[in-house]
PDB file of N, CA and C in Angstrom:
ATOM      1  N   UNK A   1       0.864  -1.203  -0.012  1.00  0.00           N
ATOM      2  CA  UNK A   1      -0.144   0.015   0.047  1.00  0.00           C
ATOM      3  C   UNK A   1       0.797   1.456   0.004  1.00  0.00           C
ATOM      4  N   UNK A   2       0.400   2.212  -0.598  1.00  0.00           N
ATOM      5  CA  UNK A   2       0.963   3.560  -0.714  1.00  0.00           C
ATOM      6  C   UNK A   2       0.034   4.656   0.011  1.00  0.00           C
ATOM      7  N   UNK A   3       0.641   5.658   0.502  1.00  0.00           N
ATOM      8  CA  UNK A   3      -0.229   6.632   1.079  1.00  0.00           C
ATOM      9  C   UNK A   3      -0.262   7.811  -0.229  1.00  0.00           C
ATOM     10  N   UNK A   4      -1.252   8.248  -0.427  1.00  0.00           N
ATOM     11  CA  UNK A   4      -1.351   9.447  -1.453  1.00  0.00           C
ATOM     12  C   UNK A   4      -2.048  10.509  -0.652  1.00  0.00           C
ATOM     13  N   UNK A   5      -1.469  11.703  -1.013  1.00  0.00           N
ATOM     14  CA  UNK A   5      -2.161  13.154  -0.563  1.00  0.00           C
ATOM     15  C   UNK A   5      -2.052  14.192  -1.557  1.00  0.00           C
ATOM     16  N   UNK A   6      -3.199  14.800  -1.316  1.00  0.00           N
ATOM     17  CA  UNK A   6      -3.505  16.017  -2.396  1.00  0.00           C
ATOM     18  C   UNK A   6      -3.565  17.430  -1.668  1.00  0.00           C
ATOM     19  N   UNK A   7      -3.004  18.280  -1.960  1.00  0.00           N
ATOM     20  CA  UNK A   7      -3.096  19.696  -1.195  1.00  0.00           C
ATOM     21  C   UNK A   7      -3.878  20.219  -2.059  1.00  0.00           C
ATOM     22  N   UNK A   8      -5.512  19.922  -1.657  1.00  0.00           N
ATOM     23  CA  UNK A   8      -6.797  20.126  -2.399  1.00  0.00           C
ATOM     24  C   UNK A   8      -6.639  22.065  -2.542  1.00  0.00           C
ATOM     25  N   UNK A   9      -6.541  22.655  -1.589  1.00  0.00           N
ATOM     26  CA  UNK A   9      -6.620  24.090  -1.684  1.00  0.00           C
ATOM     27  C   UNK A   9      -5.862  24.510  -2.966  1.00  0.00           C
ATOM     28  N   UNK A  10      -4.664  24.053  -3.185  1.00  0.00           N
ATOM     29  CA  UNK A  10      -4.009  24.277  -4.209  1.00  0.00           C
ATOM     30  C   UNK A  10      -4.310  23.871  -5.737  1.00  0.00           C
ATOM     31  N   UNK A  11      -5.186  22.983  -5.744  1.00  0.00           N
ATOM     32  CA  UNK A  11      -5.678  22.385  -7.108  1.00  0.00           C
ATOM     33  C   UNK A  11      -6.184  23.419  -7.953  1.00  0.00           C
ATOM     34  N   UNK A  12      -5.711  23.616  -9.218  1.00  0.00           N
ATOM     35  CA  UNK A  12      -6.122  24.356 -10.103  1.00  0.00           C
ATOM     36  C   UNK A  12      -7.156  23.464 -11.321  1.00  0.00           C
ATOM     37  N   UNK A  13      -7.564  22.483 -10.904  1.00  0.00           N
ATOM     38  CA  UNK A  13      -8.663  21.392 -11.571  1.00  0.00           C
ATOM     39  C   UNK A  13      -8.131  21.511 -13.030  1.00  0.00           C
ATOM     40  N   UNK A  14      -7.136  21.048 -13.338  1.00  0.00           N
ATOM     41  CA  UNK A  14      -6.441  21.006 -14.562  1.00  0.00           C
ATOM     42  C   UNK A  14      -7.002  19.806 -15.298  1.00  0.00           C
ATOM     43  N   UNK A  15      -7.439  18.860 -14.609  1.00  0.00           N
ATOM     44  CA  UNK A  15      -8.027  17.291 -14.878  1.00  0.00           C
ATOM     45  C   UNK A  15      -6.728  16.367 -15.206  1.00  0.00           C
ATOM     46  N   UNK A  16      -5.414  16.981 -14.974  1.00  0.00           N
ATOM     47  CA  UNK A  16      -4.474  15.764 -15.399  1.00  0.00           C
ATOM     48  C   UNK A  16      -4.249  14.695 -14.657  1.00  0.00           C
ATOM     49  N   UNK A  17      -4.802  14.799 -13.397  1.00  0.00           N
ATOM     50  CA  UNK A  17      -4.861  13.439 -12.416  1.00  0.00           C
ATOM     51  C   UNK A  17      -5.773  12.752 -12.578  1.00  0.00           C
ATOM     52  N   UNK A  18      -6.911  13.133 -12.731  1.00  0.00           N
ATOM     53  CA  UNK A  18      -7.901  12.087 -12.904  1.00  0.00           C
ATOM     54  C   UNK A  18      -7.957  11.705 -14.384  1.00  0.00           C
ATOM     55  N   UNK A  19      -7.571  12.601 -15.299  1.00  0.00           N
ATOM     56  CA  UNK A  19      -7.192  11.864 -16.633  1.00  0.00           C
ATOM     57  C   UNK A  19      -6.088  10.876 -16.757  1.00  0.00           C
ATOM     58  N   UNK A  20      -5.084  11.012 -16.203  1.00  0.00           N
ATOM     59  CA  UNK A  20      -4.008  10.219 -16.191  1.00  0.00           C
ATOM     60  C   UNK A  20      -4.148   8.955 -15.397  1.00  0.00           C
ATOM     61  N   UNK A  21      -4.882   9.094 -14.075  1.00  0.00           N
ATOM     62  CA  UNK A  21      -5.254   7.858 -13.195  1.00  0.00           C
ATOM     63  C   UNK A  21      -6.537   8.002 -12.750  1.00  0.00           C
ATOM     64  N   UNK A  22      -7.313   7.810 -13.782  1.00  0.00           N
ATOM     65  CA  UNK A  22      -8.968   7.510 -13.220  1.00  0.00           C
ATOM     66  C   UNK A  22      -9.421   6.619 -12.230  1.00  0.00           C
ATOM     67  N   UNK A  23      -8.379   5.657 -11.979  1.00  0.00           N
ATOM     68  CA  UNK A  23      -8.757   4.506 -10.952  1.00  0.00           C
ATOM     69  C   UNK A  23      -8.540   5.233  -9.416  1.00  0.00           C
ATOM     70  N   UNK A  24      -7.881   6.207  -9.331  1.00  0.00           N
ATOM     71  CA  UNK A  24      -7.563   6.818  -7.973  1.00  0.00           C
ATOM     72  C   UNK A  24      -8.212   7.975  -7.859  1.00  0.00           C
ATOM     73  N   UNK A  25      -7.970   8.781  -8.752  1.00  0.00           N
ATOM     74  CA  UNK A  25      -8.333  10.374  -8.673  1.00  0.00           C
ATOM     75  C   UNK A  25      -9.862  10.510  -9.722  1.00  0.00           C
ATOM     76  N   UNK A  26     -10.280  11.663  -8.868  1.00  0.00           N
ATOM     77  CA  UNK A  26     -11.646  12.368  -9.702  1.00  0.00           C
ATOM     78  C   UNK A  26     -11.882  13.626  -9.447  1.00  0.00           C
ATOM     79  N   UNK A  27     -12.588  14.265 -10.255  1.00  0.00           N
ATOM     80  CA  UNK A  27     -13.146  15.889  -9.678  1.00  0.00           C
ATOM     81  C   UNK A  27     -14.073  15.562  -8.796  1.00  0.00           C
ATOM     82  N   UNK A  28     -14.138  16.172  -7.866  1.00  0.00           N
ATOM     83  CA  UNK A  28     -15.027  16.325  -6.817  1.00  0.00           C
ATOM     84  C   UNK A  28     -16.537  17.245  -7.334  1.00  0.00           C
ATOM     85  N   UNK A  29     -17.508  16.522  -7.340  1.00  0.00           N
ATOM     86  CA  UNK A  29     -18.474  17.462  -7.956  1.00  0.00           C
ATOM     87  C   UNK A  29     -18.959  18.744  -6.890  1.00  0.00           C
ATOM     88  N   UNK A  30     -18.646  18.763  -5.751  1.00  0.00           N
ATOM     89  CA  UNK A  30     -19.064  19.760  -5.062  1.00  0.00           C
ATOM     90  C   UNK A  30     -18.304  20.872  -5.295  1.00  0.00           C
ATOM     91  N   UNK A  31     -16.731  20.765  -5.524  1.00  0.00           N
ATOM     92  CA  UNK A  31     -15.953  22.173  -5.138  1.00  0.00           C
ATOM     93  C   UNK A  31     -15.160  21.770  -6.999  1.00  0.00           C
ATOM     94  N   UNK A  32     -15.213  20.869  -7.566  1.00  0.00           N
ATOM     95  CA  UNK A  32     -14.800  20.804  -8.823  1.00  0.00           C
ATOM     96  C   UNK A  32     -12.822  20.798  -8.735  1.00  0.00           C
ATOM     97  N   UNK A  33     -12.598  20.171  -7.411  1.00  0.00           N
ATOM     98  CA  UNK A  33     -11.037  20.234  -7.243  1.00  0.00           C
ATOM     99  C   UNK A  33     -11.102  18.414  -7.171  1.00  0.00           C
ATOM    100  N   UNK A  34      -9.709  18.277  -7.437  1.00  0.00           N
ATOM    101  CA  UNK A  34      -9.053  16.949  -7.522  1.00  0.00           C
ATOM    102  C   UNK A  34      -9.543  16.428  -6.031  1.00  0.00           C
ATOM    103  N   UNK A  35      -9.690  14.947  -6.213  1.00  0.00           N
ATOM    104  CA  UNK A  35     -10.130  14.088  -4.793  1.00  0.00           C
ATOM    105  C   UNK A  35      -9.502  12.600  -5.029  1.00  0.00           C
ATOM    106  N   UNK A  36      -9.608  12.171  -4.090  1.00  0.00           N
ATOM    107  CA  UNK A  36      -9.181  10.382  -4.147  1.00  0.00           C
ATOM    108  C   UNK A  36     -10.572   9.808  -4.246  1.00  0.00           C
ATOM    109  N   UNK A  37     -10.451   8.718  -5.018  1.00  0.00           N
ATOM    110  CA  UNK A  37     -11.864   8.123  -4.825  1.00  0.00           C
ATOM    111  C   UNK A  37     -12.386   7.303  -3.528  1.00  0.00           C
ATOM    112  N   UNK A  38     -13.361   7.366  -3.371  1.00  0.00           N
ATOM    113  CA  UNK A  38     -13.995   7.070  -2.081  1.00  0.00           C
ATOM    114  C   UNK A  38     -13.269   5.641  -1.370  1.00  0.00           C
ATOM    115  N   UNK A  39     -13.349   4.626  -2.471  1.00  0.00           N
ATOM    116  CA  UNK A  39     -12.708   3.469  -2.043  1.00  0.00           C
ATOM    117  C   UNK A  39     -11.235   3.412  -1.451  1.00  0.00           C
ATOM    118  N   UNK A  40     -10.629   4.550  -1.732  1.00  0.00           N
ATOM    119  CA  UNK A  40      -9.326   4.445  -1.429  1.00  0.00           C
ATOM    120  C   UNK A  40      -9.084   5.529  -0.199  1.00  0.00           C
ATOM    121  N   UNK A  41      -9.853   6.343   0.059  1.00  0.00           N
ATOM    122  CA  UNK A  41      -9.722   7.340   1.271  1.00  0.00           C
ATOM    123  C   UNK A  41      -9.489   6.894   2.379  1.00  0.00           C
ATOM    124  N   UNK A  42      -9.046   7.492   3.289  1.00  0.00           N
ATOM    125  CA  UNK A  42      -8.565   7.349   4.585  1.00  0.00           C
ATOM    126  C   UNK A  42      -9.595   8.269   5.424  1.00  0.00           C
ATOM    127  N   UNK A  43     -10.521   7.523   6.460  1.00  0.00           N
ATOM    128  CA  UNK A  43     -11.176   8.449   7.113  1.00  0.00           C
ATOM    129  C   UNK A  43     -12.294   9.270   6.278  1.00  0.00           C
ATOM    130  N   UNK A  44     -12.654   9.024   5.240  1.00  0.00           N
ATOM    131  CA  UNK A  44     -13.289   9.605   4.327  1.00  0.00           C
ATOM    132  C   UNK A  44     -12.854  11.144   3.661  1.00  0.00           C
ATOM    133  N   UNK A  45     -11.614  11.143   4.151  1.00  0.00           N
ATOM    134  CA  UNK A  45     -10.948  12.445   3.638  1.00  0.00           C
ATOM    135  C   UNK A  45     -10.747  12.614   2.058  1.00  0.00           C
ATOM    136  N   UNK A  46     -11.266  13.527   1.144  1.00  0.00           N
ATOM    137  CA  UNK A  46     -10.829  13.307  -0.340  1.00  0.00           C
ATOM    138  C   UNK A  46      -9.222  13.779  -0.609  1.00  0.00           C
ATOM    139  N   UNK A  47      -8.649  14.032   0.332  1.00  0.00           N
ATOM    140  CA  UNK A  47      -7.254  14.696   0.160  1.00  0.00           C
ATOM    141  C   UNK A  47      -6.430  13.510   0.678  1.00  0.00           C
ATOM    142  N   UNK A  48      -6.731  12.564   1.331  1.00  0.00           N
ATOM    143  CA  UNK A  48      -5.589  11.362   1.879  1.00  0.00           C
ATOM    144  C   UNK A  48      -6.272  10.331   1.579  1.00  0.00           C
ATOM    145  N   UNK A  49      -5.581   9.356   0.852  1.00  0.00           N
ATOM    146  CA  UNK A  49      -5.787   8.018   0.778  1.00  0.00           C
ATOM    147  C   UNK A  49      -4.606   6.889   0.571  1.00  0.00           C
ATOM    148  N   UNK A  50      -5.103   5.386   0.630  1.00  0.00           N
ATOM    149  CA  UNK A  50      -4.144   4.527   0.680  1.00  0.00           C
ATOM    150  C   UNK A  50      -4.407   3.606  -0.625  1.00  0.00           C
ATOM    151  N   UNK A  51      -3.589   3.385  -1.365  1.00  0.00           N
ATOM    152  CA  UNK A  51      -3.729   2.818  -2.612  1.00  0.00           C
ATOM    153  C   UNK A  51      -2.849   1.600  -2.750  1.00  0.00           C
ATOM    154  N   UNK A  52      -3.518   0.517  -3.163  1.00  0.00           N
ATOM    155  CA  UNK A  52      -2.930  -1.028  -3.549  1.00  0.00           C
ATOM    156  C   UNK A  52      -1.733  -0.596  -4.429  1.00  0.00           C
ATOM    157  N   UNK A  53      -0.562  -1.836  -4.103  1.00  0.00           N
ATOM    158  CA  UNK A  53       0.682  -1.862  -4.794  1.00  0.00           C
ATOM    159  C   UNK A  53       0.284  -1.910  -6.245  1.00  0.00           C
ATOM    160  N   UNK A  54      -0.727  -2.325  -6.809  1.00  0.00           N
ATOM    161  CA  UNK A  54      -0.746  -2.582  -8.495  1.00  0.00           C
ATOM    162  C   UNK A  54      -1.084  -1.205  -8.939  1.00  0.00           C
ATOM    163  N   UNK A  55      -1.349  -0.180  -8.081  1.00  0.00           N
ATOM    164  CA  UNK A  55      -2.036   1.122  -8.250  1.00  0.00           C
ATOM    165  C   UNK A  55      -0.794   2.356  -8.149  1.00  0.00           C
ATOM    166  N   UNK A  56       0.198   1.705  -7.717  1.00  0.00           N
ATOM    167  CA  UNK A  56       1.139   2.838  -7.330  1.00  0.00           C
ATOM    168  C   UNK A  56       1.805   3.660  -8.386  1.00  0.00           C
ATOM    169  N   UNK A  57       2.196   2.738  -9.395  1.00  0.00           N
ATOM    170  CA  UNK A  57       2.634   3.539 -10.748  1.00  0.00           C
ATOM    171  C   UNK A  57       1.755   4.454 -11.112  1.00  0.00           C
ATOM    172  N   UNK A  58       0.653   4.340 -11.178  1.00  0.00           N
ATOM    173  CA  UNK A  58      -0.518   5.100 -11.842  1.00  0.00           C
ATOM    174  C   UNK A  58      -0.375   6.393 -10.963  1.00  0.00           C
ATOM    175  N   UNK A  59      -0.558   6.050  -9.532  1.00  0.00           N
ATOM    176  CA  UNK A  59      -0.531   7.212  -8.702  1.00  0.00           C
ATOM    177  C   UNK A  59       0.807   8.274  -8.935  1.00  0.00           C
ATOM    178  N   UNK A  60       1.880   7.500  -9.215  1.00  0.00           N
ATOM    179  CA  UNK A  60       3.188   8.298  -9.379  1.00  0.00           C
ATOM    180  C   UNK A  60       3.122   9.146 -10.586  1.00  0.00           C
ATOM    181  N   UNK A  61       2.564   8.453 -11.946  1.00  0.00           N
ATOM    182  CA  UNK A  61       2.547   9.094 -12.980  1.00  0.00           C
ATOM    183  C   UNK A  61       1.381  10.358 -12.784  1.00  0.00           C
ATOM    184  N   UNK A  62       0.326  10.043 -12.358  1.00  0.00           N
ATOM    185  CA  UNK A  62      -0.583  11.061 -11.948  1.00  0.00           C
ATOM    186  C   UNK A  62      -0.045  12.338 -11.279  1.00  0.00           C
ATOM    187  N   UNK A  63       0.806  12.061 -10.278  1.00  0.00           N
ATOM    188  CA  UNK A  63       1.822  13.034  -9.519  1.00  0.00           C
ATOM    189  C   UNK A  63       2.766  13.851 -10.474  1.00  0.00           C
ATOM    190  N   UNK A  64       3.266  13.098 -11.055  1.00  0.00           N
ATOM    191  CA  UNK A  64       4.241  13.818 -11.924  1.00  0.00           C
ATOM    192  C   UNK A  64       3.644  14.530 -12.969  1.00  0.00           C
ATOM    193  N   UNK A  65       2.657  14.372 -13.615  1.00  0.00           N
ATOM    194  CA  UNK A  65       1.788  15.082 -14.546  1.00  0.00           C
ATOM    195  C   UNK A  65       0.842  16.248 -13.976  1.00  0.00           C
ATOM    196  N   UNK A  66       0.804  16.539 -12.588  1.00  0.00           N
ATOM    197  CA  UNK A  66       0.360  17.622 -11.873  1.00  0.00           C
ATOM    198  C   UNK A  66       1.162  18.911 -12.207  1.00  0.00           C
ATOM    199  N   UNK A  67       0.496  19.741 -12.790  1.00  0.00           N
ATOM    200  CA  UNK A  67       1.608  20.995 -12.792  1.00  0.00           C
ATOM    201  C   UNK A  67       1.807  21.975 -11.754  1.00  0.00           C
ATOM    202  N   UNK A  68       1.243  21.815 -10.788  1.00  0.00           N
ATOM    203  CA  UNK A  68       1.171  22.414  -9.536  1.00  0.00           C
ATOM    204  C   UNK A  68       1.973  21.713  -8.367  1.00  0.00           C
ATOM    205  N   UNK A  69       2.461  20.413  -8.969  1.00  0.00           N
ATOM    206  CA  UNK A  69       2.920  19.260  -8.090  1.00  0.00           C
ATOM    207  C   UNK A  69       2.431  19.463  -6.355  1.00  0.00           C
ATOM    208  N   UNK A  70       1.086  19.053  -6.346  1.00  0.00           N
ATOM    209  CA  UNK A  70       0.438  19.153  -5.057  1.00  0.00           C
ATOM    210  C   UNK A  70       0.094  17.648  -4.747  1.00  0.00           C
ATOM    211  N   UNK A  71       0.466  16.773  -5.338  1.00  0.00           N
ATOM    212  CA  UNK A  71      -0.043  15.222  -5.192  1.00  0.00           C
ATOM    213  C   UNK A  71       1.450  14.695  -4.735  1.00  0.00           C
ATOM    214  N   UNK A  72       1.478  13.929  -3.485  1.00  0.00           N
ATOM    215  CA  UNK A  72       2.354  13.287  -3.039  1.00  0.00           C
ATOM    216  C   UNK A  72       1.981  11.564  -2.751  1.00  0.00           C
ATOM    217  N   UNK A  73       3.133  10.850  -3.137  1.00  0.00           N
ATOM    218  CA  UNK A  73       2.929   9.417  -3.067  1.00  0.00           C
ATOM    219  C   UNK A  73       4.146   8.727  -2.354  1.00  0.00           C
ATOM    220  N   UNK A  74       3.652   8.391  -1.091  1.00  0.00           N
ATOM    221  CA  UNK A  74       4.843   7.750  -0.245  1.00  0.00           C
ATOM    222  C   UNK A  74       4.259   6.283  -0.125  1.00  0.00           C
ATOM    223  N   UNK A  75       5.429   5.347  -0.262  1.00  0.00           N
ATOM    224  CA  UNK A  75       5.363   4.029  -0.005  1.00  0.00           C
ATOM    225  C   UNK A  75       5.924   3.224  -1.268  1.00  0.00           C
TER     226      UNK A  75
END
């Protein structure tokens, strides 16, 4: 498992993360910002999640594609 965090207040809604890795990221319909899909959230927090090993590369690719560098993948 890897920990994934998003600094949501810094999100510019560019669509990069949820386009590159829709398995983990999505646009929050309430505010238009990037969020972690419900099934991977920690404590139902849209900015914090744990993803299985088979999705770590996807999460890293999304983090690398983020133009404002607000996604962090640890683990």
